[in-house]
Amino acid sequence: MCSSSRPAHRTWIPIFLTVLVATASRPASAQPSASDPPVTYEVQIDGESFQVEGGQRPVKVESKLKKGTTYTLAVRVAMTQLLRLNSVQMEYGMWAKVIDNKGKDLRIAQIVHELGFSLSITDLGRALDSKHQDELLKTLEDNAEKRFGDRKATNLKRTELKPMKFGSSDGKRSMITYTDSDGVARTCVIFVLSGEKYTVSAVAEFRDQDKEDVGSWVMNALGSIRPLQ
């Protein structure tokens, strides 16, 4: 049993990295931004339809079917958006752009905040045991260090962090700090999160000067990961 499972795992890791690199080059599909023109929504109540402009103040409309009945309506884009992958779903804060490869075996989504920092999520579609989680984490660390080195980064330093809980997930993580070719201090935090029926990897990359903005944004997103409903 053990000898038959190892070759499949060795094949899977290179495939994972190949898909990850290929996906990163795809264009993003942007969510609405504050500068976009307003969107008109159609709201249906008890068989009647009303048009409401997104973001406007609540408006009162009178029912044509129920004499004397008045509705107060307002439609706004929620500041937290739901992202469904293959085996998990999660929430992320606006405003952000989303890249999603829609992969059947490895589903990869990258959430890019308007301030420039990003969070890449990979849904493996299956649970991994602790040993394979550690192997995945090390593979992601090695790949990140190589990627930063290829970009002429300096002062690379890897730090292993203690395991912790992220909502309903058990998590393992590590951190890589470096200085990019423009002399900007940056950080990459790599996570492997697991539940009873899923494993998700996540990579957060940001400038050190944005650390305070990134921290809660990333932790809230990872803490919201749960099995797909």
Protein backbone atom coordinates (compact mmCIF):
# COMPACT_ATOMS: atom_id res chain seq x y z
CA MET A 1 0.00 0.00 0.00
CA CYS A 2 2.76 2.47 0.93
CA SER A 3 4.90 1.74 -2.11
CA SER A 4 1.98 2.32 -4.48
CA SER A 5 1.05 5.73 -3.01
CA ARG A 6 4.49 7.42 -3.12
CA PRO A 7 4.97 7.66 -6.90
CA ALA A 8 1.60 9.40 -7.27
CA HIS A 9 2.60 11.98 -4.67
CA ARG A 10 5.98 12.66 -6.32
CA THR A 11 4.20 13.26 -9.62
CA TRP A 12 1.64 15.55 -8.03
CA ILE A 13 4.08 18.11 -6.57
CA PRO A 14 5.67 19.14 -9.93
CA ILE A 15 2.21 19.30 -11.52
CA PHE A 16 1.06 21.55 -8.69
CA LEU A 17 3.94 23.99 -9.25
CA THR A 18 3.49 23.98 -13.02
CA VAL A 19 -0.17 24.90 -12.73
CA LEU A 20 0.59 27.52 -10.07
CA VAL A 21 3.16 29.33 -12.24
CA ALA A 22 0.96 29.16 -15.35
CA THR A 23 -2.05 30.57 -13.51
CA ALA A 24 -0.16 33.57 -12.14
CA SER A 25 0.21 34.98 -15.66
CA ARG A 26 -3.52 35.02 -16.45
CA PRO A 27 -5.41 38.34 -16.53
CA ALA A 28 -7.52 39.32 -13.53
CA SER A 29 -11.25 39.78 -13.51
CA ALA A 30 -11.86 42.96 -11.52
CA GLN A 31 -14.53 43.43 -8.90
CA PRO A 32 -16.35 46.80 -8.88
CA SER A 33 -14.31 49.75 -7.63
CA ALA A 34 -15.44 52.95 -5.99
CA SER A 35 -14.83 54.90 -9.23
CA ASP A 36 -17.04 52.67 -11.39
CA PRO A 37 -20.39 54.09 -12.61
CA PRO A 38 -23.45 53.02 -10.56
CA VAL A 39 -25.21 49.79 -11.44
CA THR A 40 -29.00 49.58 -11.63
CA TYR A 41 -30.47 46.50 -9.94
CA GLU A 42 -33.89 44.96 -10.29
CA VAL A 43 -35.42 44.07 -6.92
CA GLN A 44 -38.39 41.69 -6.81
CA ILE A 45 -40.84 41.70 -3.89
CA ASP A 46 -44.05 39.67 -3.80
CA GLY A 47 -44.25 39.45 -7.58
CA GLU A 48 -43.40 43.10 -8.25
CA SER A 49 -40.19 44.46 -9.75
CA PHE A 50 -38.50 47.72 -8.80
CA GLN A 51 -35.31 49.32 -10.13
CA VAL A 52 -32.77 50.53 -7.57
CA GLU A 53 -29.43 52.16 -8.25
CA GLY A 54 -26.60 50.45 -6.41
CA GLY A 55 -25.03 52.52 -3.65
CA GLN A 56 -27.75 55.15 -3.45
CA ARG A 57 -29.57 56.02 -0.24
CA PRO A 58 -32.68 54.00 0.63
CA VAL A 59 -35.64 54.99 -1.52
CA LYS A 60 -39.34 54.51 -0.90
CA VAL A 61 -41.44 52.93 -3.64
CA GLU A 62 -45.15 52.31 -3.70
CA SER A 63 -46.63 48.98 -4.64
CA LYS A 64 -48.84 48.94 -7.71
CA LEU A 65 -50.38 45.62 -6.72
CA LYS A 66 -51.02 46.37 -3.06
CA LYS A 67 -52.64 49.75 -2.67
CA GLY A 68 -51.27 51.69 0.30
CA THR A 69 -48.18 49.49 0.64
CA THR A 70 -44.77 51.21 0.56
CA TYR A 71 -41.34 49.52 0.47
CA THR A 72 -38.01 51.07 1.49
CA LEU A 73 -35.29 49.71 -0.83
CA ALA A 74 -31.51 49.97 -1.04
CA VAL A 75 -28.90 47.80 -2.76
CA ARG A 76 -25.18 47.92 -1.98
CA VAL A 77 -22.22 45.72 -2.84
CA ALA A 78 -21.22 43.88 0.35
CA MET A 79 -17.76 44.72 1.68
CA THR A 80 -17.14 40.99 2.07
CA GLN A 81 -17.39 38.77 -0.98
CA LEU A 82 -17.85 34.99 -1.15
CA LEU A 83 -15.44 32.91 -3.23
CA ARG A 84 -16.36 29.28 -3.94
CA LEU A 85 -13.63 26.89 -5.06
CA ASN A 86 -13.84 23.12 -5.65
CA SER A 87 -14.00 21.81 -2.09
CA VAL A 88 -13.97 24.96 0.07
CA GLN A 89 -15.46 28.42 0.18
CA MET A 90 -14.10 31.58 1.78
CA GLU A 91 -14.76 35.27 2.19
CA TYR A 92 -12.48 38.13 1.22
CA GLY A 93 -12.64 41.87 1.73
CA MET A 94 -13.32 44.36 -1.03
CA TRP A 95 -11.88 46.04 -3.06
CA ALA A 96 -9.90 43.38 -4.92
CA LYS A 97 -9.27 41.73 -8.25
CA VAL A 98 -9.66 37.97 -8.57
CA ILE A 99 -7.81 35.53 -10.84
CA ASP A 100 -9.36 32.04 -10.95
CA ASN A 101 -8.03 29.22 -13.14
CA LYS A 102 -11.25 27.18 -12.66
CA GLY A 103 -9.09 24.03 -12.49
CA LYS A 104 -10.82 20.72 -11.84
CA ASP A 105 -7.88 19.06 -10.06
CA LEU A 106 -6.04 22.07 -8.67
CA ARG A 107 -8.24 25.15 -8.27
CA ILE A 108 -6.12 28.27 -7.91
CA ALA A 109 -7.45 31.75 -7.15
CA GLN A 110 -5.39 34.87 -6.60
CA ILE A 111 -6.94 37.80 -4.75
CA VAL A 112 -5.12 41.08 -5.40
CA HIS A 113 -5.96 44.01 -3.14
CA GLU A 114 -6.10 47.50 -4.65
CA LEU A 115 -3.12 48.49 -2.44
CA GLY A 116 -1.00 45.92 -4.27
CA PHE A 117 -0.66 43.02 -1.83
CA SER A 118 -2.00 39.61 -2.82
CA LEU A 119 -3.23 36.30 -1.46
CA SER A 120 -3.03 33.20 -3.66
CA ILE A 121 -5.24 30.27 -2.66
CA THR A 122 -4.89 26.72 -4.00
CA ASP A 123 -7.66 24.21 -3.30
CA LEU A 124 -6.11 20.75 -3.56
CA GLY A 125 -9.49 19.05 -3.54
CA ARG A 126 -8.45 16.42 -1.00
CA ALA A 127 -7.07 16.04 2.49
CA LEU A 128 -3.33 15.49 3.06
CA ASP A 129 -1.78 13.87 6.11
CA SER A 130 0.72 15.79 8.25
CA LYS A 131 3.78 14.42 6.45
CA HIS A 132 2.54 15.45 3.02
CA GLN A 133 1.46 18.84 4.38
CA ASP A 134 5.04 19.41 5.55
CA GLU A 135 6.38 18.35 2.15
CA LEU A 136 4.02 20.74 0.40
CA LEU A 137 5.02 23.61 2.68
CA LYS A 138 8.72 23.01 2.02
CA THR A 139 8.13 22.78 -1.73
CA LEU A 140 6.31 26.11 -1.69
CA GLU A 141 9.10 27.66 0.37
CA ASP A 142 11.79 26.45 -2.02
CA ASN A 143 9.82 27.62 -5.04
CA ALA A 144 9.26 31.07 -3.52
CA GLU A 145 12.94 31.51 -2.66
CA LYS A 146 13.96 30.53 -6.19
CA ARG A 147 11.40 32.91 -7.66
CA PHE A 148 12.65 35.82 -5.53
CA GLY A 149 16.27 34.94 -6.31
CA ASP A 150 15.53 34.96 -10.04
CA ARG A 151 14.20 38.49 -9.57
CA LYS A 152 17.52 39.60 -8.03
CA ALA A 153 16.18 39.77 -4.47
CA THR A 154 18.69 40.10 -1.62
CA ASN A 155 18.70 39.51 2.15
CA LEU A 156 16.53 36.40 1.81
CA LYS A 157 15.62 34.95 5.19
CA ARG A 158 13.30 32.05 5.94
CA THR A 159 11.52 31.81 9.31
CA GLU A 160 9.36 28.89 10.40
CA LEU A 161 6.35 29.89 12.48
CA LYS A 162 4.38 27.87 15.00
CA PRO A 163 1.30 25.90 13.87
CA MET A 164 -1.98 27.67 14.59
CA LYS A 165 -5.74 27.52 14.04
CA PHE A 166 -7.40 29.49 11.26
CA GLY A 167 -11.13 29.30 11.94
CA SER A 168 -12.07 25.66 11.42
CA SER A 169 -8.71 24.82 9.79
CA ASP A 170 -5.45 23.60 11.33
CA GLY A 171 -2.58 25.59 9.84
CA LYS A 172 1.16 25.40 9.25
CA ARG A 173 3.06 28.41 8.00
CA SER A 174 6.44 29.91 7.27
CA MET A 175 7.70 33.38 6.36
CA ILE A 176 10.29 34.64 3.89
CA THR A 177 11.58 38.20 4.11
CA TYR A 178 13.70 39.82 1.42
CA THR A 179 14.63 43.06 -0.31
CA ASP A 180 13.52 43.32 -3.93
CA SER A 181 15.59 44.68 -6.83
CA ASP A 182 14.22 48.18 -6.17
CA GLY A 183 15.39 48.11 -2.57
CA VAL A 184 11.89 47.63 -1.13
CA ALA A 185 11.54 45.35 1.92
CA ARG A 186 8.97 42.64 1.28
CA THR A 187 7.48 39.61 3.06
CA CYS A 188 5.98 36.37 1.81
CA VAL A 189 3.97 34.21 4.23
CA ILE A 190 3.15 30.66 3.14
CA PHE A 191 0.31 28.67 4.70
CA VAL A 192 -0.95 25.09 4.46
CA LEU A 193 -4.44 24.76 5.96
CA SER A 194 -6.27 21.50 6.48
CA GLY A 195 -9.65 20.20 7.54
CA GLU A 196 -11.27 16.80 7.65
CA LYS A 197 -11.87 16.67 3.89
CA TYR A 198 -9.69 19.40 2.40
CA THR A 199 -6.22 20.93 2.20
CA VAL A 200 -5.60 24.48 1.01
CA SER A 201 -2.31 26.26 0.46
CA ALA A 202 -2.07 30.04 0.57
CA VAL A 203 0.68 32.53 -0.22
CA ALA A 204 0.48 36.14 0.94
CA GLU A 205 2.94 38.64 -0.55
CA PHE A 206 3.24 42.28 0.52
CA ARG A 207 5.52 45.23 1.12
CA ASP A 208 6.60 45.52 4.74
CA GLN A 209 5.16 49.05 4.85
CA ASP A 210 1.69 47.54 4.22
CA LYS A 211 1.98 44.97 7.00
CA GLU A 212 -0.69 46.52 9.23
CA ASP A 213 -3.23 46.62 6.39
CA VAL A 214 -2.41 43.09 5.24
CA GLY A 215 -2.53 41.29 8.58
CA SER A 216 -6.23 41.43 9.40
CA TRP A 217 -7.23 41.18 5.71
CA VAL A 218 -5.35 37.90 5.25
CA MET A 219 -6.26 36.42 8.63
CA ASN A 220 -9.96 37.14 8.12
CA ALA A 221 -9.88 35.51 4.69
CA LEU A 222 -8.05 32.38 5.89
CA GLY A 223 -10.19 32.15 9.01
CA SER A 224 -13.33 32.06 6.85
CA ILE A 225 -12.27 28.95 4.89
CA ARG A 226 -14.70 26.08 5.36
CA PRO A 227 -15.98 23.07 3.39
CA LEU A 228 -18.11 23.95 0.40
CA GLN A 229 -21.80 24.08 1.31
